[in-house]
Amino acid sequence: MNDNIFSGRLLDIRHLTKILPDGRSDVWEVASYRDNLTAVGVLGFEKSTDSLILIENYRPSLGSWNLEITGGLPFIGESVEDAAVREYEEETGWVVEELHYLNTFFSLPGCGRLPIACYWAETSPAVSQKLDKNEFANIRTVDYKTLNNLIEKNIITEPITMSVLCSFYRKKFLELIVK
């Protein structure tokens, strides 16, 4: 059974019959981005102040504001890297000076194939945000001490943001050890 349950603007959800490691078959509900897209997530870093750039983003599915990195989906024909730069600059109004790849992971691997390419960017302030009509986002510059408090107090809870922060800090930690 491989029938479509739902086709939306961005996501398809379908039944998928899979053969399990023990030889039995089972039907799963699986989500995937349309057109095999890969989402992007970008953590901004301002070198001059040693600060991270996050956004408070209103999430209708939660009914509240969420502190997170910028992100989104590429346009048809747009590279993942170009989408990362565009999304960051639109959502923050800051300029990406240099983009650095961190990793790609799958959000919700138990129920879908939703890849997210993660980056960090050296950035500097620019003019203004260029949000879509249904986006609401406030810029937050955060130092390392404040970031730790935000995580401990469960103010930063979004999993993509947490994954990117872990990858970013691992990279920075390894750079310190190698020096």
N, C-alpha and C. Protein backbone atom coordinates (compact mmCIF):
# COMPACT_ATOMS: atom_id res chain seq x y z
N MET A 1 0.85 -1.18 0.00
CA MET A 1 0.00 0.00 0.00
C MET A 1 0.89 1.24 0.00
N ASN A 2 0.76 2.07 -1.00
CA ASN A 2 1.49 3.32 -1.10
C ASN A 2 0.54 4.42 -1.57
N ASP A 3 -0.53 4.64 -0.81
CA ASP A 3 -1.51 5.63 -1.25
C ASP A 3 -1.31 6.97 -0.57
N ASN A 4 -1.68 8.02 -1.28
CA ASN A 4 -1.54 9.38 -0.79
C ASN A 4 -2.70 9.68 0.16
N ILE A 5 -2.38 10.22 1.35
CA ILE A 5 -3.39 10.62 2.31
C ILE A 5 -3.70 12.10 2.15
N PHE A 6 -2.64 12.89 1.94
CA PHE A 6 -2.78 14.34 1.89
C PHE A 6 -1.67 14.93 1.03
N SER A 7 -2.02 15.90 0.19
CA SER A 7 -1.04 16.67 -0.56
C SER A 7 -1.31 18.14 -0.28
N GLY A 8 -0.34 18.78 0.35
CA GLY A 8 -0.46 20.19 0.67
C GLY A 8 0.47 21.02 -0.19
N ARG A 9 0.56 22.29 0.16
CA ARG A 9 1.44 23.21 -0.58
C ARG A 9 2.90 22.80 -0.42
N LEU A 10 3.28 22.31 0.77
CA LEU A 10 4.67 21.96 1.04
C LEU A 10 4.90 20.49 1.36
N LEU A 11 3.90 19.82 1.90
CA LEU A 11 4.07 18.45 2.38
C LEU A 11 3.13 17.48 1.70
N ASP A 12 3.61 16.24 1.53
CA ASP A 12 2.78 15.11 1.15
C ASP A 12 2.80 14.13 2.32
N ILE A 13 1.66 13.55 2.60
CA ILE A 13 1.59 12.48 3.61
C ILE A 13 0.94 11.29 2.93
N ARG A 14 1.59 10.14 3.08
CA ARG A 14 1.10 8.95 2.39
C ARG A 14 1.26 7.72 3.28
N HIS A 15 0.50 6.69 2.96
CA HIS A 15 0.71 5.38 3.58
C HIS A 15 1.84 4.70 2.81
N LEU A 16 2.73 4.07 3.52
CA LEU A 16 3.86 3.38 2.90
C LEU A 16 4.02 2.02 3.57
N THR A 17 3.97 0.98 2.78
CA THR A 17 4.17 -0.37 3.31
C THR A 17 5.66 -0.66 3.30
N LYS A 18 6.18 -1.04 4.44
CA LYS A 18 7.61 -1.31 4.58
C LYS A 18 7.81 -2.73 5.10
N ILE A 19 8.86 -3.37 4.62
CA ILE A 19 9.27 -4.67 5.17
C ILE A 19 10.23 -4.38 6.33
N LEU A 20 9.89 -4.89 7.49
CA LEU A 20 10.69 -4.66 8.69
C LEU A 20 11.88 -5.63 8.74
N PRO A 21 12.86 -5.34 9.59
CA PRO A 21 14.05 -6.20 9.67
C PRO A 21 13.74 -7.67 9.96
N ASP A 22 12.63 -7.95 10.64
CA ASP A 22 12.29 -9.35 10.93
C ASP A 22 11.46 -10.00 9.83
N GLY A 23 11.25 -9.30 8.70
CA GLY A 23 10.54 -9.86 7.56
C GLY A 23 9.05 -9.54 7.51
N ARG A 24 8.47 -9.08 8.60
CA ARG A 24 7.06 -8.69 8.59
C ARG A 24 6.90 -7.38 7.84
N SER A 25 5.69 -7.13 7.34
CA SER A 25 5.42 -5.84 6.71
C SER A 25 4.52 -5.02 7.62
N ASP A 26 4.61 -3.71 7.49
CA ASP A 26 3.80 -2.80 8.29
C ASP A 26 3.52 -1.55 7.48
N VAL A 27 2.39 -0.93 7.73
CA VAL A 27 2.01 0.30 7.03
C VAL A 27 2.32 1.49 7.92
N TRP A 28 3.03 2.46 7.35
CA TRP A 28 3.42 3.67 8.06
C TRP A 28 2.81 4.88 7.39
N GLU A 29 2.53 5.91 8.19
CA GLU A 29 2.18 7.22 7.65
C GLU A 29 3.47 8.01 7.56
N VAL A 30 3.83 8.43 6.34
CA VAL A 30 5.12 9.07 6.10
C VAL A 30 4.91 10.44 5.48
N ALA A 31 5.61 11.44 6.02
CA ALA A 31 5.56 12.80 5.49
C ALA A 31 6.84 13.08 4.71
N SER A 32 6.72 13.84 3.65
CA SER A 32 7.90 14.28 2.91
C SER A 32 7.60 15.64 2.29
N TYR A 33 8.66 16.43 2.10
CA TYR A 33 8.50 17.71 1.43
C TYR A 33 8.17 17.47 -0.03
N ARG A 34 7.39 18.34 -0.61
CA ARG A 34 7.09 18.27 -2.03
C ARG A 34 8.38 18.47 -2.82
N ASP A 35 8.45 17.89 -3.98
CA ASP A 35 9.58 18.07 -4.90
C ASP A 35 10.93 17.72 -4.28
N ASN A 36 10.95 16.83 -3.29
CA ASN A 36 12.19 16.39 -2.62
C ASN A 36 13.03 17.56 -2.12
N LEU A 37 12.39 18.58 -1.60
CA LEU A 37 13.10 19.75 -1.09
C LEU A 37 13.88 19.41 0.17
N THR A 38 14.93 20.20 0.43
CA THR A 38 15.67 20.15 1.68
C THR A 38 15.51 21.51 2.34
N ALA A 39 14.99 21.52 3.56
CA ALA A 39 14.85 22.77 4.31
C ALA A 39 16.23 23.25 4.74
N VAL A 40 16.31 24.52 5.15
CA VAL A 40 17.56 25.09 5.64
C VAL A 40 17.34 25.71 7.00
N GLY A 41 18.39 25.70 7.81
CA GLY A 41 18.42 26.40 9.08
C GLY A 41 19.75 27.13 9.20
N VAL A 42 19.71 28.39 9.65
CA VAL A 42 20.93 29.20 9.70
C VAL A 42 21.04 29.89 11.05
N LEU A 43 22.17 29.69 11.71
CA LEU A 43 22.50 30.39 12.94
C LEU A 43 23.43 31.54 12.60
N GLY A 44 23.02 32.75 12.92
CA GLY A 44 23.86 33.91 12.67
C GLY A 44 24.86 34.14 13.79
N PHE A 45 26.04 34.60 13.42
CA PHE A 45 27.09 34.88 14.39
C PHE A 45 27.71 36.22 14.03
N GLU A 46 27.69 37.15 14.98
CA GLU A 46 28.31 38.45 14.76
C GLU A 46 29.65 38.45 15.47
N LYS A 47 30.71 38.41 14.67
CA LYS A 47 32.07 38.28 15.18
C LYS A 47 32.48 39.46 16.07
N SER A 48 32.10 40.68 15.70
CA SER A 48 32.56 41.86 16.44
C SER A 48 32.06 41.88 17.88
N THR A 49 30.90 41.28 18.14
CA THR A 49 30.37 41.25 19.51
C THR A 49 30.35 39.84 20.10
N ASP A 50 30.80 38.86 19.31
CA ASP A 50 30.79 37.47 19.75
C ASP A 50 29.38 37.04 20.16
N SER A 51 28.39 37.46 19.37
CA SER A 51 26.98 37.18 19.68
C SER A 51 26.33 36.32 18.62
N LEU A 52 25.34 35.56 19.04
CA LEU A 52 24.53 34.78 18.12
C LEU A 52 23.27 35.58 17.79
N ILE A 53 22.79 35.41 16.58
CA ILE A 53 21.60 36.12 16.13
C ILE A 53 20.47 35.10 16.00
N LEU A 54 19.45 35.28 16.81
CA LEU A 54 18.27 34.42 16.80
C LEU A 54 17.05 35.28 16.48
N ILE A 55 15.95 34.62 16.18
CA ILE A 55 14.71 35.36 15.98
C ILE A 55 13.62 34.80 16.89
N GLU A 56 12.78 35.70 17.37
CA GLU A 56 11.54 35.29 18.03
C GLU A 56 10.52 35.22 16.92
N ASN A 57 10.06 34.02 16.65
CA ASN A 57 9.19 33.77 15.51
C ASN A 57 7.83 33.33 16.02
N TYR A 58 6.76 33.94 15.52
CA TYR A 58 5.43 33.50 15.92
C TYR A 58 5.07 32.23 15.18
N ARG A 59 4.71 31.19 15.93
CA ARG A 59 4.36 29.89 15.36
C ARG A 59 2.89 29.59 15.61
N PRO A 60 2.04 29.73 14.59
CA PRO A 60 0.61 29.48 14.77
C PRO A 60 0.30 28.09 15.32
N SER A 61 1.09 27.08 14.93
CA SER A 61 0.83 25.72 15.40
C SER A 61 1.00 25.60 16.92
N LEU A 62 1.83 26.48 17.51
CA LEU A 62 2.03 26.49 18.96
C LEU A 62 1.17 27.56 19.63
N GLY A 63 0.74 28.55 18.84
CA GLY A 63 -0.01 29.66 19.39
C GLY A 63 0.85 30.57 20.25
N SER A 64 2.16 30.59 19.95
CA SER A 64 3.06 31.40 20.77
C SER A 64 4.33 31.75 19.99
N TRP A 65 5.14 32.60 20.60
CA TRP A 65 6.44 32.98 20.04
C TRP A 65 7.46 31.93 20.42
N ASN A 66 8.41 31.69 19.52
CA ASN A 66 9.45 30.69 19.71
C ASN A 66 10.80 31.32 19.39
N LEU A 67 11.80 31.13 20.23
CA LEU A 67 13.14 31.67 19.98
C LEU A 67 13.92 30.62 19.20
N GLU A 68 14.38 30.99 17.99
CA GLU A 68 14.96 29.98 17.10
C GLU A 68 15.90 30.62 16.09
N ILE A 69 16.54 29.76 15.30
CA ILE A 69 17.37 30.21 14.18
C ILE A 69 16.45 30.51 13.00
N THR A 70 16.98 31.14 11.97
CA THR A 70 16.20 31.38 10.76
C THR A 70 16.16 30.11 9.92
N GLY A 71 15.19 30.04 9.04
CA GLY A 71 15.14 28.87 8.18
C GLY A 71 13.97 28.93 7.23
N GLY A 72 13.93 27.95 6.36
CA GLY A 72 12.84 27.87 5.39
C GLY A 72 13.15 26.88 4.31
N LEU A 73 12.47 27.03 3.20
CA LEU A 73 12.61 26.12 2.06
C LEU A 73 13.11 26.87 0.83
N PRO A 74 13.88 26.18 -0.01
CA PRO A 74 14.32 26.81 -1.27
C PRO A 74 13.15 26.96 -2.24
N PHE A 75 13.27 27.97 -3.08
CA PHE A 75 12.34 28.09 -4.20
C PHE A 75 12.72 27.02 -5.21
N ILE A 76 11.81 26.67 -6.09
CA ILE A 76 12.10 25.71 -7.16
C ILE A 76 13.29 26.24 -7.96
N GLY A 77 14.33 25.41 -8.12
CA GLY A 77 15.52 25.79 -8.88
C GLY A 77 16.57 26.53 -8.07
N GLU A 78 16.27 26.89 -6.83
CA GLU A 78 17.23 27.61 -5.99
C GLU A 78 18.10 26.60 -5.23
N SER A 79 19.39 26.84 -5.14
CA SER A 79 20.26 25.93 -4.40
C SER A 79 19.98 26.06 -2.90
N VAL A 80 20.35 25.03 -2.16
CA VAL A 80 20.16 25.03 -0.71
C VAL A 80 20.97 26.17 -0.09
N GLU A 81 22.20 26.38 -0.57
CA GLU A 81 23.05 27.45 -0.03
C GLU A 81 22.44 28.82 -0.29
N ASP A 82 21.94 29.04 -1.50
CA ASP A 82 21.31 30.32 -1.82
C ASP A 82 20.05 30.52 -0.97
N ALA A 83 19.30 29.46 -0.74
CA ALA A 83 18.11 29.55 0.11
C ALA A 83 18.49 29.91 1.54
N ALA A 84 19.58 29.34 2.03
CA ALA A 84 20.04 29.64 3.39
C ALA A 84 20.36 31.13 3.54
N VAL A 85 21.09 31.67 2.57
CA VAL A 85 21.44 33.10 2.61
C VAL A 85 20.18 33.95 2.50
N ARG A 86 19.32 33.63 1.54
CA ARG A 86 18.10 34.41 1.32
C ARG A 86 17.22 34.41 2.57
N GLU A 87 16.97 33.22 3.13
CA GLU A 87 16.11 33.12 4.32
C GLU A 87 16.69 33.92 5.48
N TYR A 88 18.00 33.81 5.70
CA TYR A 88 18.62 34.53 6.80
C TYR A 88 18.47 36.04 6.62
N GLU A 89 18.79 36.51 5.43
CA GLU A 89 18.75 37.95 5.17
C GLU A 89 17.31 38.49 5.21
N GLU A 90 16.36 37.71 4.70
CA GLU A 90 14.96 38.15 4.75
C GLU A 90 14.44 38.23 6.18
N GLU A 91 14.72 37.19 6.97
CA GLU A 91 14.14 37.10 8.31
C GLU A 91 14.83 38.00 9.32
N THR A 92 16.11 38.30 9.12
CA THR A 92 16.83 39.13 10.10
C THR A 92 17.08 40.55 9.62
N GLY A 93 17.19 40.72 8.30
CA GLY A 93 17.61 42.02 7.78
C GLY A 93 19.12 42.21 7.87
N TRP A 94 19.84 41.17 8.25
CA TRP A 94 21.30 41.21 8.37
C TRP A 94 21.91 40.62 7.10
N VAL A 95 23.17 40.95 6.83
CA VAL A 95 23.86 40.48 5.64
C VAL A 95 24.74 39.28 6.00
N VAL A 96 24.66 38.24 5.18
CA VAL A 96 25.55 37.08 5.34
C VAL A 96 26.86 37.41 4.65
N GLU A 97 27.94 37.44 5.42
CA GLU A 97 29.27 37.69 4.86
C GLU A 97 29.94 36.39 4.46
N GLU A 98 29.73 35.36 5.26
CA GLU A 98 30.32 34.05 4.96
C GLU A 98 29.42 32.96 5.52
N LEU A 99 29.08 31.98 4.70
CA LEU A 99 28.20 30.88 5.09
C LEU A 99 29.03 29.62 5.29
N HIS A 100 28.80 28.91 6.41
CA HIS A 100 29.56 27.70 6.75
C HIS A 100 28.59 26.54 6.96
N TYR A 101 28.82 25.44 6.26
CA TYR A 101 27.99 24.24 6.40
C TYR A 101 28.32 23.54 7.71
N LEU A 102 27.28 23.11 8.43
CA LEU A 102 27.47 22.33 9.66
C LEU A 102 27.12 20.86 9.45
N ASN A 103 25.87 20.58 9.07
CA ASN A 103 25.43 19.19 8.89
C ASN A 103 24.05 19.18 8.25
N THR A 104 23.60 18.00 7.89
CA THR A 104 22.23 17.78 7.44
C THR A 104 21.66 16.67 8.30
N PHE A 105 20.45 16.89 8.80
CA PHE A 105 19.80 15.84 9.58
C PHE A 105 18.34 15.74 9.14
N PHE A 106 17.66 14.73 9.63
CA PHE A 106 16.27 14.50 9.27
C PHE A 106 15.39 14.79 10.47
N SER A 107 14.48 15.72 10.28
CA SER A 107 13.50 16.05 11.30
C SER A 107 12.44 14.95 11.30
N LEU A 108 12.08 14.47 12.46
CA LEU A 108 11.04 13.45 12.61
C LEU A 108 11.31 12.19 11.79
N PRO A 109 12.48 11.55 11.93
CA PRO A 109 12.78 10.40 11.07
C PRO A 109 11.85 9.22 11.28
N GLY A 110 11.13 9.18 12.39
CA GLY A 110 10.20 8.08 12.62
C GLY A 110 8.95 8.16 11.76
N CYS A 111 8.68 9.35 11.21
CA CYS A 111 7.45 9.47 10.42
C CYS A 111 7.64 10.26 9.13
N GLY A 112 8.88 10.44 8.72
CA GLY A 112 9.03 11.15 7.46
C GLY A 112 10.46 11.37 7.04
N ARG A 113 10.57 11.84 5.82
CA ARG A 113 11.87 12.20 5.26
C ARG A 113 11.86 13.70 5.06
N LEU A 114 12.27 14.43 6.10
CA LEU A 114 12.26 15.88 6.08
C LEU A 114 13.67 16.38 6.36
N PRO A 115 14.53 16.40 5.32
CA PRO A 115 15.93 16.80 5.53
C PRO A 115 16.07 18.30 5.78
N ILE A 116 17.02 18.63 6.67
CA ILE A 116 17.30 20.03 6.99
C ILE A 116 18.81 20.22 6.93
N ALA A 117 19.26 21.08 6.01
CA ALA A 117 20.68 21.42 5.89
C ALA A 117 20.95 22.59 6.84
N CYS A 118 21.95 22.44 7.69
CA CYS A 118 22.21 23.43 8.73
C CYS A 118 23.53 24.15 8.49
N TYR A 119 23.49 25.46 8.74
CA TYR A 119 24.63 26.34 8.50
C TYR A 119 24.78 27.30 9.67
N TRP A 120 25.99 27.88 9.75
CA TRP A 120 26.14 29.07 10.56
C TRP A 120 26.74 30.13 9.64
N ALA A 121 26.44 31.38 9.93
CA ALA A 121 26.85 32.46 9.05
C ALA A 121 27.49 33.58 9.84
N GLU A 122 28.62 34.07 9.32
CA GLU A 122 29.19 35.30 9.86
C GLU A 122 28.38 36.43 9.24
N THR A 123 27.85 37.31 10.10
CA THR A 123 26.90 38.30 9.62
C THR A 123 27.19 39.69 10.16
N SER A 124 26.55 40.67 9.55
CA SER A 124 26.60 42.05 10.04
C SER A 124 25.25 42.70 9.81
N PRO A 125 24.91 43.68 10.65
CA PRO A 125 23.59 44.33 10.50
C PRO A 125 23.44 44.98 9.13
N ALA A 126 22.22 44.99 8.66
CA ALA A 126 21.90 45.63 7.37
C ALA A 126 20.76 46.61 7.59
N VAL A 127 19.87 46.67 6.67
CA VAL A 127 18.83 47.68 6.73
C VAL A 127 17.55 47.20 7.43
N SER A 128 16.80 46.31 6.81
CA SER A 128 15.53 45.90 7.41
C SER A 128 15.14 44.50 6.96
N GLN A 129 14.25 43.91 7.73
CA GLN A 129 13.73 42.59 7.40
C GLN A 129 12.84 42.66 6.16
N LYS A 130 12.73 41.53 5.47
CA LYS A 130 11.82 41.41 4.33
C LYS A 130 10.95 40.17 4.54
N LEU A 131 10.12 40.24 5.57
CA LEU A 131 9.31 39.09 5.95
C LEU A 131 8.16 38.88 4.97
N ASP A 132 7.78 37.60 4.80
CA ASP A 132 6.58 37.28 4.04
C ASP A 132 5.38 37.85 4.80
N LYS A 133 4.26 37.99 4.12
CA LYS A 133 3.09 38.62 4.74
C LYS A 133 2.56 37.85 5.96
N ASN A 134 2.85 36.55 6.05
CA ASN A 134 2.37 35.76 7.18
C ASN A 134 3.48 35.46 8.20
N GLU A 135 4.61 36.15 8.11
CA GLU A 135 5.71 35.96 9.05
C GLU A 135 5.79 37.14 10.02
N PHE A 136 6.08 36.82 11.28
CA PHE A 136 6.28 37.81 12.31
C PHE A 136 7.53 37.38 13.08
N ALA A 137 8.57 38.20 13.05
CA ALA A 137 9.82 37.80 13.69
C ALA A 137 10.54 39.02 14.26
N ASN A 138 11.07 38.85 15.46
CA ASN A 138 11.87 39.87 16.13
C ASN A 138 13.30 39.37 16.27
N ILE A 139 14.28 40.23 16.04
CA ILE A 139 15.69 39.86 16.12
C ILE A 139 16.14 39.89 17.58
N ARG A 140 16.92 38.87 17.97
CA ARG A 140 17.53 38.83 19.30
C ARG A 140 19.01 38.53 19.15
N THR A 141 19.88 39.42 19.63
CA THR A 141 21.31 39.11 19.71
C THR A 141 21.55 38.55 21.10
N VAL A 142 22.25 37.42 21.15
CA VAL A 142 22.39 36.68 22.39
C VAL A 142 23.85 36.32 22.61
N ASP A 143 24.39 36.66 23.79
CA ASP A 143 25.75 36.23 24.11
C ASP A 143 25.70 34.80 24.67
N TYR A 144 26.86 34.19 24.84
CA TYR A 144 26.93 32.78 25.24
C TYR A 144 26.30 32.53 26.61
N LYS A 145 26.53 33.43 27.56
CA LYS A 145 25.98 33.24 28.91
C LYS A 145 24.46 33.30 28.87
N THR A 146 23.93 34.28 28.16
CA THR A 146 22.47 34.40 28.04
C THR A 146 21.90 33.18 27.33
N LEU A 147 22.59 32.71 26.30
CA LEU A 147 22.12 31.53 25.56
C LEU A 147 21.98 30.34 26.49
N ASN A 148 22.97 30.11 27.33
CA ASN A 148 22.92 29.00 28.27
C ASN A 148 21.70 29.12 29.18
N ASN A 149 21.43 30.33 29.68
CA ASN A 149 20.26 30.54 30.53
C ASN A 149 18.95 30.28 29.78
N LEU A 150 18.89 30.71 28.51
CA LEU A 150 17.68 30.49 27.71
C LEU A 150 17.41 29.01 27.50
N ILE A 151 18.47 28.23 27.33
CA ILE A 151 18.31 26.78 27.17
C ILE A 151 17.89 26.15 28.49
N GLU A 152 18.57 26.51 29.59
CA GLU A 152 18.24 25.94 30.90
C GLU A 152 16.81 26.25 31.33
N LYS A 153 16.29 27.41 30.94
CA LYS A 153 14.94 27.81 31.33
C LYS A 153 13.88 27.37 30.32
N ASN A 154 14.27 26.52 29.37
CA ASN A 154 13.36 26.00 28.33
C ASN A 154 12.70 27.11 27.51
N ILE A 155 13.46 28.17 27.26
CA ILE A 155 12.97 29.23 26.38
C ILE A 155 13.33 28.89 24.94
N ILE A 156 14.49 28.26 24.76
CA ILE A 156 14.85 27.71 23.44
C ILE A 156 14.54 26.22 23.49
N THR A 157 13.54 25.80 22.72
CA THR A 157 13.13 24.39 22.75
C THR A 157 12.98 23.79 21.36
N GLU A 158 13.07 24.61 20.33
CA GLU A 158 12.84 24.16 18.97
C GLU A 158 13.99 23.22 18.56
N PRO A 159 13.67 22.00 18.09
CA PRO A 159 14.72 20.99 17.86
C PRO A 159 15.74 21.33 16.78
N ILE A 160 15.34 22.03 15.72
CA ILE A 160 16.31 22.40 14.69
C ILE A 160 17.33 23.36 15.29
N THR A 161 16.85 24.34 16.05
CA THR A 161 17.74 25.29 16.71
C THR A 161 18.68 24.57 17.66
N MET A 162 18.16 23.65 18.45
CA MET A 162 19.01 22.92 19.40
C MET A 162 20.08 22.11 18.67
N SER A 163 19.72 21.47 17.58
CA SER A 163 20.69 20.69 16.81
C SER A 163 21.78 21.57 16.24
N VAL A 164 21.40 22.72 15.67
CA VAL A 164 22.39 23.63 15.08
C VAL A 164 23.29 24.20 16.18
N LEU A 165 22.73 24.56 17.32
CA LEU A 165 23.55 25.07 18.42
C LEU A 165 24.56 24.01 18.87
N CYS A 166 24.13 22.76 18.98
CA CYS A 166 25.06 21.68 19.37
C CYS A 166 26.18 21.53 18.34
N SER A 167 25.84 21.54 17.07
CA SER A 167 26.85 21.41 16.01
C SER A 167 27.80 22.60 16.00
N PHE A 168 27.25 23.80 16.19
CA PHE A 168 28.07 25.02 16.20
C PHE A 168 29.05 25.00 17.38
N TYR A 169 28.55 24.67 18.56
CA TYR A 169 29.43 24.64 19.74
C TYR A 169 30.46 23.53 19.64
N ARG A 170 30.10 22.40 19.07
CA ARG A 170 31.07 21.32 18.87
C ARG A 170 32.20 21.80 17.97
N LYS A 171 31.83 22.49 16.88
CA LYS A 171 32.83 23.01 15.95
C LYS A 171 33.74 24.01 16.65
N LYS A 172 33.15 24.94 17.39
CA LYS A 172 33.94 25.96 18.10
C LYS A 172 34.83 25.31 19.17
N PHE A 173 34.31 24.30 19.87
CA PHE A 173 35.10 23.60 20.89
C PHE A 173 36.28 22.89 20.26
N LEU A 174 36.05 22.22 19.13
CA LEU A 174 37.14 21.51 18.45
C LEU A 174 38.20 22.49 17.94
N GLU A 175 37.77 23.66 17.49
CA GLU A 175 38.74 24.68 17.05
C GLU A 175 39.64 25.11 18.21
N LEU A 176 39.07 25.22 19.40
CA LEU A 176 39.86 25.60 20.58
C LEU A 176 40.88 24.52 20.95
N ILE A 177 40.45 23.26 20.85
CA ILE A 177 41.35 22.14 21.21
C ILE A 177 42.51 22.03 20.24
N VAL A 178 42.24 22.24 18.95
CA VAL A 178 43.27 22.08 17.92
C VAL A 178 44.32 23.20 18.01
N LYS A 179 43.92 24.38 18.49
CA LYS A 179 44.86 25.51 18.56
C LYS A 179 45.99 25.28 19.48
